C-alpha atoms as a PDB file:
ATOM      1  CA  MET A   1       3.894  27.054 -22.089  1.00  0.00           C
ATOM      2  CA  SER A   2       1.960  24.172 -20.723  1.00  0.00           C
ATOM      3  CA  ILE A   3      -1.665  23.635 -21.731  1.00  0.00           C
ATOM      4  CA  LYS A   4      -3.840  21.694 -19.344  1.00  0.00           C
ATOM      5  CA  ARG A   5      -6.536  19.603 -20.924  1.00  0.00           C
ATOM      6  CA  GLN A   6      -9.625  18.896 -18.921  1.00  0.00           C
ATOM      7  CA  ILE A   7     -10.871  15.339 -19.418  1.00  0.00           C
ATOM      8  CA  PHE A   8     -14.493  14.482 -18.698  1.00  0.00           C
ATOM      9  CA  GLY A   9     -15.596  10.972 -17.768  1.00  0.00           C
ATOM     10  CA  PHE A  10     -15.383   8.296 -15.119  1.00  0.00           C
ATOM     11  CA  THR A  11     -12.388   6.559 -13.763  1.00  0.00           C
ATOM     12  CA  LEU A  12     -12.370   2.800 -13.489  1.00  0.00           C
ATOM     13  CA  VAL A  13     -12.630   3.037  -9.693  1.00  0.00           C
ATOM     14  CA  GLU A  14     -15.725   5.268  -9.873  1.00  0.00           C
ATOM     15  CA  LEU A  15     -17.364   2.882 -12.321  1.00  0.00           C
ATOM     16  CA  MET A  16     -16.670  -0.155 -10.101  1.00  0.00           C
ATOM     17  CA  VAL A  17     -18.073   1.599  -6.997  1.00  0.00           C
ATOM     18  CA  THR A  18     -21.224   2.562  -8.911  1.00  0.00           C
ATOM     19  CA  LEU A  19     -21.720  -1.002 -10.178  1.00  0.00           C
ATOM     20  CA  ALA A  20     -21.251  -2.378  -6.656  1.00  0.00           C
ATOM     21  CA  LEU A  21     -23.904   0.003  -5.290  1.00  0.00           C
ATOM     22  CA  VAL A  22     -26.334  -0.924  -8.082  1.00  0.00           C
ATOM     23  CA  GLY A  23     -25.748  -4.608  -7.293  1.00  0.00           C
ATOM     24  CA  VAL A  24     -26.500  -4.109  -3.590  1.00  0.00           C
ATOM     25  CA  VAL A  25     -29.693  -2.158  -4.324  1.00  0.00           C
ATOM     26  CA  ALA A  26     -30.806  -4.794  -6.860  1.00  0.00           C
ATOM     27  CA  ALA A  27     -30.177  -7.586  -4.346  1.00  0.00           C
ATOM     28  CA  PHE A  28     -32.690  -5.976  -1.991  1.00  0.00           C
ATOM     29  CA  ALA A  29     -35.205  -4.935  -4.661  1.00  0.00           C
ATOM     30  CA  VAL A  30     -35.568  -8.166  -6.680  1.00  0.00           C
ATOM     31  CA  PRO A  31     -37.009 -10.405  -3.916  1.00  0.00           C
ATOM     32  CA  SER A  32     -39.604  -7.818  -2.924  1.00  0.00           C
ATOM     33  CA  PHE A  33     -40.460  -7.270  -6.589  1.00  0.00           C
ATOM     34  CA  SER A  34     -41.086 -10.992  -7.142  1.00  0.00           C
ATOM     35  CA  THR A  35     -43.303 -11.052  -4.021  1.00  0.00           C
ATOM     36  CA  MET A  36     -45.239  -8.103  -5.426  1.00  0.00           C
ATOM     37  CA  ILE A  37     -45.714  -9.927  -8.738  1.00  0.00           C
ATOM     38  CA  ALA A  38     -46.965 -13.073  -6.952  1.00  0.00           C
ATOM     39  CA  ASN A  39     -49.379 -11.015  -4.827  1.00  0.00           C
ATOM     40  CA  ASN A  40     -50.684  -9.209  -7.919  1.00  0.00           C
ATOM     41  CA  ARG A  41     -51.179 -12.570  -9.645  1.00  0.00           C
ATOM     42  CA  LEU A  42     -53.376 -13.682  -6.719  1.00  0.00           C
ATOM     43  CA  VAL A  43     -55.373 -10.448  -6.715  1.00  0.00           C
ATOM     44  CA  SER A  44     -55.869 -10.664 -10.475  1.00  0.00           C
ATOM     45  CA  ALA A  45     -57.091 -14.284 -10.297  1.00  0.00           C
ATOM     46  CA  SER A  46     -59.449 -13.398  -7.448  1.00  0.00           C
ATOM     47  CA  ASN A  47     -60.858 -10.416  -9.349  1.00  0.00           C
ATOM     48  CA  ASP A  48     -61.324 -12.568 -12.468  1.00  0.00           C
ATOM     49  CA  ILE A  49     -63.312 -15.125 -10.459  1.00  0.00           C
ATOM     50  CA  VAL A  50     -65.506 -12.452  -8.875  1.00  0.00           C
ATOM     51  CA  GLY A  51     -66.114 -11.057 -12.371  1.00  0.00           C
ATOM     52  CA  VAL A  52     -67.147 -14.485 -13.698  1.00  0.00           C
ATOM     53  CA  LEU A  53     -69.474 -15.022 -10.728  1.00  0.00           C
ATOM     54  CA  ASN A  54     -71.090 -11.602 -11.149  1.00  0.00           C
ATOM     55  CA  TYR A  55     -71.534 -12.334 -14.842  1.00  0.00           C
ATOM     56  CA  ALA A  56     -73.174 -15.706 -14.097  1.00  0.00           C
ATOM     57  CA  ARG A  57     -75.567 -14.162 -11.584  1.00  0.00           C
ATOM     58  CA  SER A  58     -76.417 -11.361 -13.997  1.00  0.00           C
ATOM     59  CA  GLU A  59     -77.090 -13.865 -16.804  1.00  0.00           C
ATOM     60  CA  ALA A  60     -79.362 -15.879 -14.507  1.00  0.00           C
ATOM     61  CA  VAL A  61     -81.431 -12.811 -13.669  1.00  0.00           C
ATOM     62  CA  LYS A  62     -81.454 -11.576 -17.267  1.00  0.00           C
ATOM     63  CA  SER A  63     -82.543 -14.922 -18.741  1.00  0.00           C
ATOM     64  CA  GLY A  64     -84.767 -15.951 -15.821  1.00  0.00           C
ATOM     65  CA  ARG A  65     -83.165 -19.409 -15.960  1.00  0.00           C
ATOM     66  CA  GLN A  66     -80.700 -21.397 -13.908  1.00  0.00           C
ATOM     67  CA  VAL A  67     -77.092 -20.594 -14.807  1.00  0.00           C
ATOM     68  CA  ILE A  68     -74.355 -23.011 -13.753  1.00  0.00           C
ATOM     69  CA  VAL A  69     -70.717 -22.260 -12.976  1.00  0.00           C
ATOM     70  CA  SER A  70     -68.428 -25.287 -13.187  1.00  0.00           C
ATOM     71  CA  PRO A  71     -64.762 -26.124 -13.790  1.00  0.00           C
ATOM     72  CA  THR A  72     -64.047 -26.077 -17.529  1.00  0.00           C
ATOM     73  CA  ASP A  73     -62.642 -29.606 -17.427  1.00  0.00           C
ATOM     74  CA  GLY A  74     -65.343 -30.740 -14.989  1.00  0.00           C
ATOM     75  CA  VAL A  75     -62.838 -31.442 -12.207  1.00  0.00           C
ATOM     76  CA  ASP A  76     -60.265 -28.772 -11.353  1.00  0.00           C
ATOM     77  CA  TRP A  77     -61.179 -25.103 -10.846  1.00  0.00           C
ATOM     78  CA  THR A  78     -57.536 -24.136 -11.474  1.00  0.00           C
ATOM     79  CA  ASN A  79     -57.946 -25.147 -15.151  1.00  0.00           C
ATOM     80  CA  GLY A  80     -60.653 -22.544 -15.765  1.00  0.00           C
ATOM     81  CA  MET A  81     -64.363 -21.901 -15.257  1.00  0.00           C
ATOM     82  CA  SER A  82     -67.375 -22.236 -17.542  1.00  0.00           C
ATOM     83  CA  VAL A  83     -70.705 -20.428 -17.309  1.00  0.00           C
ATOM     84  CA  TRP A  84     -73.708 -21.918 -19.096  1.00  0.00           C
ATOM     85  CA  VAL A  85     -77.498 -21.750 -19.056  1.00  0.00           C
ATOM     86  CA  ASP A  86     -79.061 -25.027 -17.895  1.00  0.00           C
ATOM     87  CA  ARG A  87     -82.201 -24.944 -20.077  1.00  0.00           C
ATOM     88  CA  ASN A  88     -83.491 -28.381 -19.042  1.00  0.00           C
ATOM     89  CA  ALA A  89     -82.448 -27.934 -15.362  1.00  0.00           C
ATOM     90  CA  ASN A  90     -80.675 -31.300 -15.165  1.00  0.00           C
ATOM     91  CA  GLY A  91     -77.334 -29.928 -13.908  1.00  0.00           C
ATOM     92  CA  SER A  92     -75.209 -31.263 -16.770  1.00  0.00           C
ATOM     93  CA  MET A  93     -74.291 -29.516 -19.975  1.00  0.00           C
ATOM     94  CA  GLN A  94     -75.836 -30.845 -23.186  1.00  0.00           C
ATOM     95  CA  ALA A  95     -74.974 -29.895 -26.754  1.00  0.00           C
ATOM     96  CA  SER A  96     -78.201 -27.873 -27.007  1.00  0.00           C
ATOM     97  CA  GLU A  97     -77.268 -25.655 -24.046  1.00  0.00           C
ATOM     98  CA  GLU A  98     -75.409 -22.442 -24.634  1.00  0.00           C
ATOM     99  CA  LEU A  99     -71.959 -21.896 -23.145  1.00  0.00           C
ATOM    100  CA  ARG A 100     -71.995 -18.228 -22.161  1.00  0.00           C
ATOM    101  CA  ARG A 101     -68.446 -17.741 -20.967  1.00  0.00           C
ATOM    102  CA  THR A 102     -65.281 -19.696 -20.299  1.00  0.00           C
ATOM    103  CA  THR A 103     -62.002 -18.664 -18.706  1.00  0.00           C
ATOM    104  CA  GLY A 104     -58.536 -20.109 -19.048  1.00  0.00           C
ATOM    105  CA  GLY A 105     -56.446 -21.641 -16.315  1.00  0.00           C
ATOM    106  CA  THR A 106     -54.668 -19.541 -13.744  1.00  0.00           C
ATOM    107  CA  GLY A 107     -51.266 -21.216 -13.903  1.00  0.00           C
ATOM    108  CA  ALA A 108     -49.374 -20.801 -10.637  1.00  0.00           C
ATOM    109  CA  VAL A 109     -52.508 -19.912  -8.669  1.00  0.00           C
ATOM    110  CA  SER A 110     -54.475 -22.706  -6.985  1.00  0.00           C
ATOM    111  CA  ILE A 111     -58.282 -22.464  -6.848  1.00  0.00           C
ATOM    112  CA  THR A 112     -60.347 -24.746  -4.627  1.00  0.00           C
ATOM    113  CA  SER A 113     -64.078 -24.714  -4.035  1.00  0.00           C
ATOM    114  CA  SER A 114     -66.386 -26.170  -1.419  1.00  0.00           C
ATOM    115  CA  SER A 115     -68.633 -27.328  -4.270  1.00  0.00           C
ATOM    116  CA  PRO A 116     -67.844 -29.237  -7.502  1.00  0.00           C
ATOM    117  CA  SER A 117     -70.171 -26.804  -9.338  1.00  0.00           C
ATOM    118  CA  PHE A 118     -72.954 -24.433  -8.372  1.00  0.00           C
ATOM    119  CA  SER A 119     -75.763 -22.472  -9.925  1.00  0.00           C
ATOM    120  CA  PHE A 120     -77.693 -19.247  -9.657  1.00  0.00           C
ATOM    121  CA  THR A 121     -81.467 -19.385 -10.012  1.00  0.00           C
ATOM    122  CA  GLY A 122     -83.402 -17.060 -12.292  1.00  0.00           C
ATOM    123  CA  ASN A 123     -83.719 -14.545  -9.458  1.00  0.00           C
ATOM    124  CA  GLY A 124     -79.950 -14.502  -8.718  1.00  0.00           C
ATOM    125  CA  LEU A 125     -80.008 -16.687  -5.605  1.00  0.00           C
ATOM    126  CA  LEU A 126     -78.365 -20.008  -4.888  1.00  0.00           C
ATOM    127  CA  PRO A 127     -80.954 -22.800  -5.245  1.00  0.00           C
ATOM    128  CA  THR A 128     -83.149 -23.801  -2.312  1.00  0.00           C
ATOM    129  CA  GLY A 129     -81.497 -26.496  -0.219  1.00  0.00           C
ATOM    130  CA  SER A 130     -77.954 -25.547  -1.198  1.00  0.00           C
ATOM    131  CA  VAL A 131     -75.306 -24.132   1.122  1.00  0.00           C
ATOM    132  CA  ALA A 132     -73.053 -21.097   0.777  1.00  0.00           C
ATOM    133  CA  VAL A 133     -70.121 -21.680  -1.574  1.00  0.00           C
ATOM    134  CA  THR A 134     -66.537 -20.790  -0.669  1.00  0.00           C
ATOM    135  CA  ILE A 135     -63.765 -20.503  -3.241  1.00  0.00           C
ATOM    136  CA  GLN A 136     -60.162 -20.160  -2.059  1.00  0.00           C
ATOM    137  CA  VAL A 137     -57.456 -18.614  -4.210  1.00  0.00           C
ATOM    138  CA  CYS A 138     -53.870 -19.347  -3.083  1.00  0.00           C
ATOM    139  CA  ASP A 139     -50.477 -20.115  -4.523  1.00  0.00           C
ATOM    140  CA  GLY A 140     -47.666 -22.381  -3.382  1.00  0.00           C
ATOM    141  CA  ARG A 141     -46.247 -19.925  -0.849  1.00  0.00           C
ATOM    142  CA  GLY A 142     -47.466 -21.158   2.517  1.00  0.00           C
ATOM    143  CA  GLY A 143     -48.465 -18.527   5.066  1.00  0.00           C
ATOM    144  CA  GLU A 144     -48.869 -15.875   2.397  1.00  0.00           C
ATOM    145  CA  PRO A 145     -52.034 -13.868   1.776  1.00  0.00           C
ATOM    146  CA  GLY A 146     -54.683 -15.276  -0.509  1.00  0.00           C
ATOM    147  CA  SER A 147     -58.354 -14.680  -1.088  1.00  0.00           C
ATOM    148  CA  SER A 148     -61.561 -16.348   0.050  1.00  0.00           C
ATOM    149  CA  ILE A 149     -64.601 -15.710  -2.148  1.00  0.00           C
ATOM    150  CA  THR A 150     -67.965 -16.534  -0.584  1.00  0.00           C
ATOM    151  CA  ILE A 151     -71.315 -16.782  -2.351  1.00  0.00           C
ATOM    152  CA  THR A 152     -74.143 -16.525   0.175  1.00  0.00           C
ATOM    153  CA  LEU A 153     -77.548 -18.166  -0.234  1.00  0.00           C
ATOM    154  CA  GLY A 154     -78.877 -14.764  -1.273  1.00  0.00           C
ATOM    155  CA  GLY A 155     -76.392 -14.703  -4.170  1.00  0.00           C
ATOM    156  CA  ARG A 156     -74.132 -12.054  -2.646  1.00  0.00           C
ATOM    157  CA  ILE A 157     -70.515 -12.446  -3.745  1.00  0.00           C
ATOM    158  CA  ARG A 158     -67.921 -11.342  -1.199  1.00  0.00           C
ATOM    159  CA  SER A 159     -64.122 -11.507  -1.332  1.00  0.00           C
ATOM    160  CA  GLU A 160     -62.028 -11.479   1.850  1.00  0.00           C
ATOM    161  CA  ALA A 161     -58.357 -11.815   2.713  1.00  0.00           C
ATOM    162  CA  LEU A 162     -57.177 -15.289   3.644  1.00  0.00           C
ATOM    163  CA  THR A 163     -53.893 -16.643   4.982  1.00  0.00           C
ATOM    164  CA  CYS A 164     -53.048 -19.643   2.830  1.00  0.00           C
ATOM    165  CA  ALA A 165     -51.841 -22.854   4.429  1.00  0.00           C
END
Protein backbone atom coordinates (compact mmCIF):
# COMPACT_ATOMS: atom_id res chain seq x y z
CA MET A 1 0.00 0.00 0.00
CA SER A 2 1.33 3.33 -1.01
CA ILE A 3 1.10 6.30 1.35
CA LYS A 4 1.13 9.73 -0.20
CA ARG A 5 2.75 12.44 1.85
CA GLN A 6 1.60 15.97 1.35
CA ILE A 7 4.49 18.44 1.46
CA PHE A 8 3.82 22.09 2.26
CA GLY A 9 6.13 24.87 1.09
CA PHE A 10 7.42 26.71 -1.94
CA THR A 11 9.27 25.39 -4.88
CA LEU A 12 12.40 27.14 -6.05
CA VAL A 13 10.57 28.43 -9.13
CA GLU A 14 7.78 29.98 -7.03
CA LEU A 15 10.33 31.65 -4.78
CA MET A 16 12.25 33.12 -7.75
CA VAL A 17 9.05 34.48 -9.35
CA THR A 18 8.04 36.10 -6.05
CA LEU A 19 11.47 37.71 -5.62
CA ALA A 20 11.36 39.03 -9.19
CA LEU A 21 7.95 40.62 -8.58
CA VAL A 22 9.14 42.20 -5.32
CA GLY A 23 12.17 43.60 -7.17
CA VAL A 24 10.00 45.16 -9.89
CA VAL A 25 7.64 46.74 -7.34
CA ALA A 26 10.61 48.06 -5.32
CA ALA A 27 12.18 49.56 -8.45
CA PHE A 28 9.06 51.68 -8.94
CA ALA A 29 8.49 52.50 -5.26
CA VAL A 30 11.98 53.61 -4.16
CA PRO A 31 12.34 56.68 -6.44
CA SER A 32 8.92 58.02 -5.48
CA PHE A 33 9.68 57.35 -1.81
CA SER A 34 12.92 59.36 -1.98
CA THR A 35 11.02 62.22 -3.67
CA MET A 36 8.46 62.09 -0.87
CA ILE A 37 11.24 62.27 1.74
CA ALA A 38 12.84 65.28 -0.01
CA ASN A 39 9.46 67.05 -0.24
CA ASN A 40 8.77 66.38 3.45
CA ARG A 41 12.22 67.75 4.32
CA LEU A 42 11.31 71.00 2.53
CA VAL A 43 7.91 71.24 4.22
CA SER A 44 9.48 70.58 7.62
CA ALA A 45 12.15 73.27 7.12
CA SER A 46 9.51 75.74 5.96
CA ASN A 47 7.29 75.01 8.96
CA ASP A 48 10.27 75.38 11.31
CA ILE A 49 11.04 78.82 9.85
CA VAL A 50 7.43 79.96 10.14
CA GLY A 51 7.47 78.76 13.76
CA VAL A 52 10.64 80.74 14.52
CA LEU A 53 9.18 83.86 12.88
CA ASN A 54 5.92 83.56 14.81
CA TYR A 55 7.92 83.11 18.00
CA ALA A 56 10.02 86.22 17.27
CA ARG A 57 6.93 88.32 16.57
CA SER A 58 5.25 87.03 19.72
CA GLU A 59 8.34 87.84 21.81
CA ALA A 60 8.44 91.36 20.36
CA VAL A 61 4.83 91.99 21.33
CA LYS A 62 5.23 90.34 24.74
CA SER A 63 8.37 92.28 25.66
CA GLY A 64 7.39 95.52 23.91
CA ARG A 65 10.91 95.67 22.45
CA GLN A 66 12.54 95.13 19.09
CA VAL A 67 13.31 91.46 18.43
CA ILE A 68 15.80 90.57 15.70
CA VAL A 69 15.95 87.42 13.58
CA SER A 70 19.34 86.79 11.99
CA PRO A 71 21.42 83.89 10.65
CA THR A 72 23.13 82.11 13.55
CA ASP A 73 26.55 82.53 11.95
CA GLY A 74 25.71 86.06 10.80
CA VAL A 75 25.94 85.14 7.11
CA ASP A 76 24.08 82.06 5.88
CA TRP A 77 20.44 81.35 6.76
CA THR A 78 20.97 77.67 5.90
CA ASN A 79 23.22 77.31 8.99
CA GLY A 80 20.40 78.23 11.38
CA MET A 81 18.51 81.22 12.77
CA SER A 82 18.81 83.18 16.00
CA VAL A 83 16.14 85.25 17.75
CA TRP A 84 17.24 87.87 20.27
CA VAL A 85 15.92 90.99 21.98
CA ASP A 86 17.79 94.12 20.88
CA ARG A 87 17.65 96.04 24.18
CA ASN A 88 19.79 98.98 23.03
CA ALA A 89 18.22 99.05 19.51
CA ASN A 90 21.58 99.13 17.71
CA GLY A 91 20.91 96.10 15.47
CA SER A 92 23.87 94.02 16.64
CA MET A 93 23.95 91.47 19.41
CA GLN A 94 25.94 92.36 22.53
CA ALA A 95 26.84 90.10 25.44
CA SER A 96 24.21 91.83 27.61
CA GLU A 97 21.38 90.98 25.19
CA GLU A 98 19.43 87.81 25.65
CA LEU A 99 19.40 85.13 22.96
CA ARG A 100 15.83 83.84 23.04
CA ARG A 101 16.01 81.01 20.53
CA THR A 102 18.39 79.44 18.05
CA THR A 103 17.85 76.72 15.47
CA GLY A 104 20.29 74.35 13.84
CA GLY A 105 21.13 74.13 10.18
CA THR A 106 18.82 72.51 7.69
CA GLY A 107 21.37 70.35 5.88
CA ALA A 108 20.25 69.59 2.33
CA VAL A 109 17.73 72.44 2.27
CA SER A 110 18.85 75.86 1.02
CA ILE A 111 17.42 78.99 2.68
CA THR A 112 17.85 82.43 1.14
CA SER A 113 16.44 85.73 2.32
CA SER A 114 15.92 89.14 0.75
CA SER A 115 17.40 90.65 3.92
CA PRO A 116 20.60 89.83 5.87
CA SER A 117 18.54 90.12 9.09
CA PHE A 118 15.26 91.71 10.10
CA SER A 119 13.35 92.70 13.18
CA PHE A 120 9.87 92.97 14.62
CA THR A 121 8.98 96.09 16.59
CA GLY A 122 7.32 95.97 19.99
CA ASN A 123 3.91 96.00 18.32
CA GLY A 124 4.72 93.04 16.00
CA LEU A 125 5.31 95.04 12.81
CA LEU A 126 8.38 95.36 10.64
CA PRO A 127 10.14 98.67 11.42
CA THR A 128 9.13 101.87 9.65
CA GLY A 129 11.10 102.34 6.44
CA SER A 130 11.77 98.64 5.92
CA VAL A 131 10.41 96.51 3.09
CA ALA A 132 8.63 93.16 3.12
CA VAL A 133 10.98 90.22 3.67
CA THR A 134 10.94 87.10 1.50
CA ILE A 135 12.59 83.84 2.53
CA GLN A 136 12.91 81.04 -0.02
CA VAL A 137 13.28 77.41 0.99
CA CYS A 138 14.55 75.07 -1.77
CA ASP A 139 16.83 72.12 -2.25
CA GLY A 140 19.18 71.13 -5.06
CA ARG A 141 16.46 69.63 -7.26
CA GLY A 142 15.78 72.25 -9.91
CA GLY A 143 12.17 72.72 -10.99
CA GLU A 144 10.86 71.04 -7.87
CA PRO A 145 8.42 72.61 -5.41
CA GLY A 146 9.75 74.75 -2.61
CA SER A 147 8.35 77.38 -0.31
CA SER A 148 8.34 81.17 -0.26
CA ILE A 149 7.76 82.75 3.16
CA THR A 150 6.81 86.43 3.12
CA ILE A 151 6.72 88.80 6.09
CA THR A 152 4.61 91.85 5.25
CA LEU A 153 5.14 95.31 6.73
CA GLY A 154 2.24 94.58 9.06
CA GLY A 155 4.12 91.57 10.45
CA ARG A 156 1.91 88.97 8.77
CA ILE A 157 3.80 85.76 7.99
CA ARG A 158 2.61 83.89 4.91
CA SER A 159 3.96 80.73 3.28
CA GLU A 160 3.28 79.95 -0.39
CA ALA A 161 4.34 77.29 -2.86
CA LEU A 162 7.31 78.14 -5.05
CA THR A 163 8.93 76.41 -8.01
CA CYS A 164 12.65 76.36 -7.29
CA ALA A 165 15.13 77.28 -10.00
